[in-house]
Amino acid sequence: MEWRIRESGHGGYVAEIGLSHKGGASIPGMLGYTMPAFIVYESAHFDTHRQAEKYVRSKQKGSENIGRQLKQHTNKIFG
């Protein structure tokens, strides 16, 4: 799990936690492969970059356990 802060298209900033998927994994039962993606688990919108950074710092403490669970689940799906 990783946190990222990006500019929102509607103004302000978005803090997101999720998993980065590099793509190239075979899709079971279908032709083709997955594309690169950032799978967002949680996001929040802020007016300033500083507010978003403060939110990320406060949430990082509790997200470690959730991250392990989500990563295990994602690995089952994408291999």
PDB file of N, CA and C in Angstrom:
ATOM      1  N   MET A   1       0.855  -1.171   0.000  1.00  0.00           N
ATOM      2  CA  MET A   1       0.000   0.000   0.000  1.00  0.00           C
ATOM      3  C   MET A   1       0.897   1.229   0.000  1.00  0.00           C
ATOM      4  N   GLU A   2       0.477   2.186  -0.749  1.00  0.00           N
ATOM      5  CA  GLU A   2       1.222   3.438  -0.781  1.00  0.00           C
ATOM      6  C   GLU A   2       0.257   4.612  -0.813  1.00  0.00           C
ATOM      7  N   TRP A   3       0.693   5.689  -0.243  1.00  0.00           N
ATOM      8  CA  TRP A   3      -0.070   6.933  -0.261  1.00  0.00           C
ATOM      9  C   TRP A   3       0.443   7.802  -1.390  1.00  0.00           C
ATOM     10  N   ARG A   4      -0.444   8.544  -2.000  1.00  0.00           N
ATOM     11  CA  ARG A   4      -0.032   9.544  -2.972  1.00  0.00           C
ATOM     12  C   ARG A   4      -0.956  10.751  -2.844  1.00  0.00           C
ATOM     13  N   ILE A   5      -0.406  11.893  -3.164  1.00  0.00           N
ATOM     14  CA  ILE A   5      -1.168  13.140  -3.177  1.00  0.00           C
ATOM     15  C   ILE A   5      -1.068  13.685  -4.590  1.00  0.00           C
ATOM     16  N   ARG A   6      -2.210  13.993  -5.169  1.00  0.00           N
ATOM     17  CA  ARG A   6      -2.223  14.519  -6.533  1.00  0.00           C
ATOM     18  C   ARG A   6      -3.168  15.710  -6.612  1.00  0.00           C
ATOM     19  N   GLU A   7      -2.964  16.539  -7.622  1.00  0.00           N
ATOM     20  CA  GLU A   7      -3.865  17.666  -7.834  1.00  0.00           C
ATOM     21  C   GLU A   7      -5.186  17.144  -8.393  1.00  0.00           C
ATOM     22  N   SER A   8      -6.263  17.726  -7.898  1.00  0.00           N
ATOM     23  CA  SER A   8      -7.590  17.342  -8.375  1.00  0.00           C
ATOM     24  C   SER A   8      -7.952  18.170  -9.601  1.00  0.00           C
ATOM     25  N   GLY A   9      -8.677  17.580 -10.514  1.00  0.00           N
ATOM     26  CA  GLY A   9      -9.157  18.297 -11.683  1.00  0.00           C
ATOM     27  C   GLY A   9     -10.230  19.321 -11.345  1.00  0.00           C
ATOM     28  N   HIS A  10     -10.778  19.222 -10.147  1.00  0.00           N
ATOM     29  CA  HIS A  10     -11.822  20.145  -9.695  1.00  0.00           C
ATOM     30  C   HIS A  10     -11.274  21.190  -8.732  1.00  0.00           C
ATOM     31  N   GLY A  11      -9.963  21.287  -8.637  1.00  0.00           N
ATOM     32  CA  GLY A  11      -9.324  22.213  -7.710  1.00  0.00           C
ATOM     33  C   GLY A  11      -8.979  21.509  -6.415  1.00  0.00           C
ATOM     34  N   GLY A  12      -7.917  21.937  -5.772  1.00  0.00           N
ATOM     35  CA  GLY A  12      -7.494  21.321  -4.532  1.00  0.00           C
ATOM     36  C   GLY A  12      -6.633  20.093  -4.775  1.00  0.00           C
ATOM     37  N   TYR A  13      -6.555  19.253  -3.761  1.00  0.00           N
ATOM     38  CA  TYR A  13      -5.697  18.076  -3.803  1.00  0.00           C
ATOM     39  C   TYR A  13      -6.454  16.854  -3.303  1.00  0.00           C
ATOM     40  N   VAL A  14      -6.023  15.683  -3.766  1.00  0.00           N
ATOM     41  CA  VAL A  14      -6.617  14.422  -3.354  1.00  0.00           C
ATOM     42  C   VAL A  14      -5.522  13.550  -2.749  1.00  0.00           C
ATOM     43  N   ALA A  15      -5.759  13.073  -1.530  1.00  0.00           N
ATOM     44  CA  ALA A  15      -4.863  12.113  -0.885  1.00  0.00           C
ATOM     45  C   ALA A  15      -5.485  10.736  -1.083  1.00  0.00           C
ATOM     46  N   GLU A  16      -4.691   9.801  -1.609  1.00  0.00           N
ATOM     47  CA  GLU A  16      -5.195   8.463  -1.916  1.00  0.00           C
ATOM     48  C   GLU A  16      -4.254   7.404  -1.373  1.00  0.00           C
ATOM     49  N   ILE A  17      -4.830   6.307  -0.914  1.00  0.00           N
ATOM     50  CA  ILE A  17      -4.046   5.133  -0.549  1.00  0.00           C
ATOM     51  C   ILE A  17      -4.499   3.997  -1.450  1.00  0.00           C
ATOM     52  N   GLY A  18      -3.540   3.233  -1.938  1.00  0.00           N
ATOM     53  CA  GLY A  18      -3.891   2.138  -2.822  1.00  0.00           C
ATOM     54  C   GLY A  18      -2.680   1.319  -3.202  1.00  0.00           C
ATOM     55  N   LEU A  19      -2.885   0.477  -4.180  1.00  0.00           N
ATOM     56  CA  LEU A  19      -1.836  -0.402  -4.671  1.00  0.00           C
ATOM     57  C   LEU A  19      -1.520  -0.067  -6.118  1.00  0.00           C
ATOM     58  N   SER A  20      -0.257  -0.070  -6.421  1.00  0.00           N
ATOM     59  CA  SER A  20       0.181   0.151  -7.782  1.00  0.00           C
ATOM     60  C   SER A  20       0.296  -1.209  -8.477  1.00  0.00           C
ATOM     61  N   HIS A  21      -0.348  -1.334  -9.618  1.00  0.00           N
ATOM     62  CA  HIS A  21      -0.300  -2.579 -10.393  1.00  0.00           C
ATOM     63  C   HIS A  21       0.450  -2.275 -11.688  1.00  0.00           C
ATOM     64  N   LYS A  22       1.504  -3.023 -11.962  1.00  0.00           N
ATOM     65  CA  LYS A  22       2.356  -2.747 -13.119  1.00  0.00           C
ATOM     66  C   LYS A  22       1.768  -3.232 -14.437  1.00  0.00           C
ATOM     67  N   GLY A  23       0.760  -4.077 -14.372  1.00  0.00           N
ATOM     68  CA  GLY A  23       0.160  -4.592 -15.595  1.00  0.00           C
ATOM     69  C   GLY A  23       0.898  -5.824 -16.106  1.00  0.00           C
ATOM     70  N   GLY A  24       0.382  -6.380 -17.162  1.00  0.00           N
ATOM     71  CA  GLY A  24       1.025  -7.535 -17.773  1.00  0.00           C
ATOM     72  C   GLY A  24       0.600  -8.870 -17.199  1.00  0.00           C
ATOM     73  N   ALA A  25      -0.337  -8.877 -16.256  1.00  0.00           N
ATOM     74  CA  ALA A  25      -0.813 -10.134 -15.681  1.00  0.00           C
ATOM     75  C   ALA A  25      -1.881 -10.731 -16.595  1.00  0.00           C
ATOM     76  N   SER A  26      -1.822 -12.021 -16.807  1.00  0.00           N
ATOM     77  CA  SER A  26      -2.806 -12.718 -17.628  1.00  0.00           C
ATOM     78  C   SER A  26      -4.156 -12.723 -16.904  1.00  0.00           C
ATOM     79  N   ILE A  27      -5.218 -12.533 -17.661  1.00  0.00           N
ATOM     80  CA  ILE A  27      -6.564 -12.545 -17.097  1.00  0.00           C
ATOM     81  C   ILE A  27      -7.127 -13.954 -17.267  1.00  0.00           C
ATOM     82  N   PRO A  28      -7.398 -14.663 -16.162  1.00  0.00           N
ATOM     83  CA  PRO A  28      -7.895 -16.034 -16.263  1.00  0.00           C
ATOM     84  C   PRO A  28      -9.227 -16.118 -17.015  1.00  0.00           C
ATOM     85  N   GLY A  29      -9.308 -17.026 -17.960  1.00  0.00           N
ATOM     86  CA  GLY A  29     -10.548 -17.243 -18.695  1.00  0.00           C
ATOM     87  C   GLY A  29     -10.804 -16.236 -19.804  1.00  0.00           C
ATOM     88  N   MET A  30      -9.873 -15.324 -20.042  1.00  0.00           N
ATOM     89  CA  MET A  30     -10.065 -14.307 -21.080  1.00  0.00           C
ATOM     90  C   MET A  30      -8.767 -14.144 -21.863  1.00  0.00           C
ATOM     91  N   LEU A  31      -8.880 -13.587 -23.041  1.00  0.00           N
ATOM     92  CA  LEU A  31      -7.691 -13.251 -23.816  1.00  0.00           C
ATOM     93  C   LEU A  31      -7.199 -11.885 -23.379  1.00  0.00           C
ATOM     94  N   GLY A  32      -5.921 -11.742 -23.234  1.00  0.00           N
ATOM     95  CA  GLY A  32      -5.358 -10.440 -22.936  1.00  0.00           C
ATOM     96  C   GLY A  32      -4.704 -10.354 -21.575  1.00  0.00           C
ATOM     97  N   TYR A  33      -4.216  -9.166 -21.302  1.00  0.00           N
ATOM     98  CA  TYR A  33      -3.471  -8.893 -20.085  1.00  0.00           C
ATOM     99  C   TYR A  33      -3.983  -7.612 -19.441  1.00  0.00           C
ATOM    100  N   THR A  34      -3.650  -7.448 -18.154  1.00  0.00           N
ATOM    101  CA  THR A  34      -4.078  -6.250 -17.445  1.00  0.00           C
ATOM    102  C   THR A  34      -3.205  -5.058 -17.835  1.00  0.00           C
ATOM    103  N   MET A  35      -3.746  -3.867 -17.642  1.00  0.00           N
ATOM    104  CA  MET A  35      -3.024  -2.627 -17.914  1.00  0.00           C
ATOM    105  C   MET A  35      -2.486  -2.075 -16.596  1.00  0.00           C
ATOM    106  N   PRO A  36      -1.463  -1.221 -16.660  1.00  0.00           N
ATOM    107  CA  PRO A  36      -0.978  -0.585 -15.438  1.00  0.00           C
ATOM    108  C   PRO A  36      -2.086   0.253 -14.799  1.00  0.00           C
ATOM    109  N   ALA A  37      -2.139   0.230 -13.465  1.00  0.00           N
ATOM    110  CA  ALA A  37      -3.202   0.966 -12.771  1.00  0.00           C
ATOM    111  C   ALA A  37      -2.781   1.260 -11.339  1.00  0.00           C
ATOM    112  N   PHE A  38      -3.439   2.231 -10.746  1.00  0.00           N
ATOM    113  CA  PHE A  38      -3.323   2.488  -9.317  1.00  0.00           C
ATOM    114  C   PHE A  38      -4.702   2.199  -8.744  1.00  0.00           C
ATOM    115  N   ILE A  39      -4.817   1.154  -7.933  1.00  0.00           N
ATOM    116  CA  ILE A  39      -6.100   0.728  -7.388  1.00  0.00           C
ATOM    117  C   ILE A  39      -6.314   1.466  -6.073  1.00  0.00           C
ATOM    118  N   VAL A  40      -7.268   2.387  -6.068  1.00  0.00           N
ATOM    119  CA  VAL A  40      -7.491   3.256  -4.915  1.00  0.00           C
ATOM    120  C   VAL A  40      -8.403   2.555  -3.910  1.00  0.00           C
ATOM    121  N   TYR A  41      -7.940   2.515  -2.663  1.00  0.00           N
ATOM    122  CA  TYR A  41      -8.716   1.935  -1.583  1.00  0.00           C
ATOM    123  C   TYR A  41      -9.488   3.018  -0.835  1.00  0.00           C
ATOM    124  N   GLU A  42      -8.865   4.160  -0.636  1.00  0.00           N
ATOM    125  CA  GLU A  42      -9.487   5.255   0.109  1.00  0.00           C
ATOM    126  C   GLU A  42      -8.955   6.572  -0.448  1.00  0.00           C
ATOM    127  N   SER A  43      -9.802   7.593  -0.527  1.00  0.00           N
ATOM    128  CA  SER A  43      -9.353   8.905  -0.976  1.00  0.00           C
ATOM    129  C   SER A  43     -10.100   9.992  -0.221  1.00  0.00           C
ATOM    130  N   ALA A  44      -9.476  11.162  -0.158  1.00  0.00           N
ATOM    131  CA  ALA A  44     -10.081  12.316   0.504  1.00  0.00           C
ATOM    132  C   ALA A  44      -9.625  13.580  -0.223  1.00  0.00           C
ATOM    133  N   HIS A  45     -10.507  14.584  -0.306  1.00  0.00           N
ATOM    134  CA  HIS A  45     -10.234  15.825  -1.019  1.00  0.00           C
ATOM    135  C   HIS A  45      -9.908  16.936  -0.033  1.00  0.00           C
ATOM    136  N   PHE A  46      -8.912  17.775  -0.380  1.00  0.00           N
ATOM    137  CA  PHE A  46      -8.493  18.881   0.472  1.00  0.00           C
ATOM    138  C   PHE A  46      -8.254  20.127  -0.362  1.00  0.00           C
ATOM    139  N   ASP A  47      -8.355  21.280   0.291  1.00  0.00           N
ATOM    140  CA  ASP A  47      -8.132  22.549  -0.398  1.00  0.00           C
ATOM    141  C   ASP A  47      -6.648  22.849  -0.597  1.00  0.00           C
ATOM    142  N   THR A  48      -5.798  22.421   0.334  1.00  0.00           N
ATOM    143  CA  THR A  48      -4.367  22.714   0.243  1.00  0.00           C
ATOM    144  C   THR A  48      -3.548  21.426   0.318  1.00  0.00           C
ATOM    145  N   HIS A  49      -2.335  21.507  -0.221  1.00  0.00           N
ATOM    146  CA  HIS A  49      -1.408  20.373  -0.181  1.00  0.00           C
ATOM    147  C   HIS A  49      -1.021  20.068   1.260  1.00  0.00           C
ATOM    148  N   ARG A  50      -0.883  21.094   2.067  1.00  0.00           N
ATOM    149  CA  ARG A  50      -0.511  20.908   3.475  1.00  0.00           C
ATOM    150  C   ARG A  50      -1.569  20.110   4.235  1.00  0.00           C
ATOM    151  N   GLN A  51      -2.845  20.388   3.985  1.00  0.00           N
ATOM    152  CA  GLN A  51      -3.921  19.633   4.628  1.00  0.00           C
ATOM    153  C   GLN A  51      -3.862  18.161   4.222  1.00  0.00           C
ATOM    154  N   ALA A  52      -3.581  17.918   2.953  1.00  0.00           N
ATOM    155  CA  ALA A  52      -3.497  16.539   2.461  1.00  0.00           C
ATOM    156  C   ALA A  52      -2.319  15.806   3.110  1.00  0.00           C
ATOM    157  N   GLU A  53      -1.170  16.471   3.238  1.00  0.00           N
ATOM    158  CA  GLU A  53      -0.010  15.851   3.885  1.00  0.00           C
ATOM    159  C   GLU A  53      -0.300  15.514   5.346  1.00  0.00           C
ATOM    160  N   LYS A  54      -0.984  16.417   6.039  1.00  0.00           N
ATOM    161  CA  LYS A  54      -1.329  16.180   7.445  1.00  0.00           C
ATOM    162  C   LYS A  54      -2.253  14.967   7.574  1.00  0.00           C
ATOM    163  N   TYR A  55      -3.200  14.848   6.677  1.00  0.00           N
ATOM    164  CA  TYR A  55      -4.118  13.717   6.674  1.00  0.00           C
ATOM    165  C   TYR A  55      -3.371  12.402   6.447  1.00  0.00           C
ATOM    166  N   VAL A  56      -2.465  12.411   5.482  1.00  0.00           N
ATOM    167  CA  VAL A  56      -1.692  11.198   5.167  1.00  0.00           C
ATOM    168  C   VAL A  56      -0.875  10.775   6.375  1.00  0.00           C
ATOM    169  N   ARG A  57      -0.198  11.735   7.022  1.00  0.00           N
ATOM    170  CA  ARG A  57       0.608  11.395   8.201  1.00  0.00           C
ATOM    171  C   ARG A  57      -0.256  10.784   9.301  1.00  0.00           C
ATOM    172  N   SER A  58      -1.454  11.327   9.515  1.00  0.00           N
ATOM    173  CA  SER A  58      -2.320  10.810  10.576  1.00  0.00           C
ATOM    174  C   SER A  58      -2.876   9.430  10.237  1.00  0.00           C
ATOM    175  N   LYS A  59      -3.114   9.156   8.966  1.00  0.00           N
ATOM    176  CA  LYS A  59      -3.691   7.875   8.546  1.00  0.00           C
ATOM    177  C   LYS A  59      -2.651   6.777   8.374  1.00  0.00           C
ATOM    178  N   GLN A  60      -1.382   7.132   8.162  1.00  0.00           N
ATOM    179  CA  GLN A  60      -0.353   6.125   7.935  1.00  0.00           C
ATOM    180  C   GLN A  60      -0.192   5.202   9.132  1.00  0.00           C
ATOM    181  N   LYS A  61      -0.426   5.700  10.304  1.00  0.00           N
ATOM    182  CA  LYS A  61      -0.268   4.886  11.507  1.00  0.00           C
ATOM    183  C   LYS A  61      -1.242   3.714  11.520  1.00  0.00           C
ATOM    184  N   GLY A  62      -2.488   3.926  11.110  1.00  0.00           N
ATOM    185  CA  GLY A  62      -3.499   2.880  11.162  1.00  0.00           C
ATOM    186  C   GLY A  62      -3.653   2.070   9.895  1.00  0.00           C
ATOM    187  N   SER A  63      -3.006   2.482   8.825  1.00  0.00           N
ATOM    188  CA  SER A  63      -3.236   1.817   7.537  1.00  0.00           C
ATOM    189  C   SER A  63      -2.361   0.600   7.303  1.00  0.00           C
ATOM    190  N   GLU A  64      -1.377   0.359   8.151  1.00  0.00           N
ATOM    191  CA  GLU A  64      -0.460  -0.749   7.901  1.00  0.00           C
ATOM    192  C   GLU A  64      -1.172  -2.096   7.906  1.00  0.00           C
ATOM    193  N   ASN A  65      -2.072  -2.315   8.852  1.00  0.00           N
ATOM    194  CA  ASN A  65      -2.805  -3.581   8.928  1.00  0.00           C
ATOM    195  C   ASN A  65      -3.770  -3.718   7.756  1.00  0.00           C
ATOM    196  N   ILE A  66      -4.453  -2.647   7.408  1.00  0.00           N
ATOM    197  CA  ILE A  66      -5.377  -2.679   6.277  1.00  0.00           C
ATOM    198  C   ILE A  66      -4.612  -2.974   4.988  1.00  0.00           C
ATOM    199  N   GLY A  67      -3.424  -2.410   4.873  1.00  0.00           N
ATOM    200  CA  GLY A  67      -2.604  -2.622   3.685  1.00  0.00           C
ATOM    201  C   GLY A  67      -2.240  -4.076   3.478  1.00  0.00           C
ATOM    202  N   ARG A  68      -1.884  -4.752   4.541  1.00  0.00           N
ATOM    203  CA  ARG A  68      -1.543  -6.179   4.436  1.00  0.00           C
ATOM    204  C   ARG A  68      -2.745  -6.976   3.950  1.00  0.00           C
ATOM    205  N   GLN A  69      -3.916  -6.689   4.509  1.00  0.00           N
ATOM    206  CA  GLN A  69      -5.115  -7.427   4.134  1.00  0.00           C
ATOM    207  C   GLN A  69      -5.467  -7.183   2.667  1.00  0.00           C
ATOM    208  N   LEU A  70      -5.401  -5.926   2.223  1.00  0.00           N
ATOM    209  CA  LEU A  70      -5.750  -5.609   0.848  1.00  0.00           C
ATOM    210  C   LEU A  70      -4.743  -6.206  -0.126  1.00  0.00           C
ATOM    211  N   LYS A  71      -3.470  -6.190   0.233  1.00  0.00           N
ATOM    212  CA  LYS A  71      -2.447  -6.750  -0.643  1.00  0.00           C
ATOM    213  C   LYS A  71      -2.641  -8.253  -0.810  1.00  0.00           C
ATOM    214  N   GLN A  72      -2.975  -8.953   0.269  1.00  0.00           N
ATOM    215  CA  GLN A  72      -3.222 -10.391   0.173  1.00  0.00           C
ATOM    216  C   GLN A  72      -4.404 -10.673  -0.748  1.00  0.00           C
ATOM    217  N   HIS A  73      -5.468  -9.885  -0.609  1.00  0.00           N
ATOM    218  CA  HIS A  73      -6.658 -10.061  -1.436  1.00  0.00           C
ATOM    219  C   HIS A  73      -6.332  -9.794  -2.911  1.00  0.00           C
ATOM    220  N   THR A  74      -5.587  -8.721  -3.181  1.00  0.00           N
ATOM    221  CA  THR A  74      -5.238  -8.370  -4.550  1.00  0.00           C
ATOM    222  C   THR A  74      -4.332  -9.426  -5.167  1.00  0.00           C
ATOM    223  N   ASN A  75      -3.404  -9.973  -4.392  1.00  0.00           N
ATOM    224  CA  ASN A  75      -2.529 -11.021  -4.902  1.00  0.00           C
ATOM    225  C   ASN A  75      -3.298 -12.269  -5.298  1.00  0.00           C
ATOM    226  N   LYS A  76      -4.384 -12.568  -4.573  1.00  0.00           N
ATOM    227  CA  LYS A  76      -5.221 -13.716  -4.931  1.00  0.00           C
ATOM    228  C   LYS A  76      -5.875 -13.491  -6.286  1.00  0.00           C
ATOM    229  N   ILE A  77      -6.250 -12.250  -6.562  1.00  0.00           N
ATOM    230  CA  ILE A  77      -6.937 -11.944  -7.834  1.00  0.00           C
ATOM    231  C   ILE A  77      -5.962 -11.872  -8.997  1.00  0.00           C
ATOM    232  N   PHE A  78      -4.872 -11.120  -8.826  1.00  0.00           N
ATOM    233  CA  PHE A  78      -3.955 -10.865  -9.943  1.00  0.00           C
ATOM    234  C   PHE A  78      -2.735 -11.784  -9.963  1.00  0.00           C
ATOM    235  N   GLY A  79      -2.540 -12.547  -8.894  1.00  0.00           N
ATOM    236  CA  GLY A  79      -1.436 -13.493  -8.883  1.00  0.00           C
ATOM    237  C   GLY A  79      -0.106 -12.917  -8.547  1.00  0.00           C
TER     238      GLY A  79
END
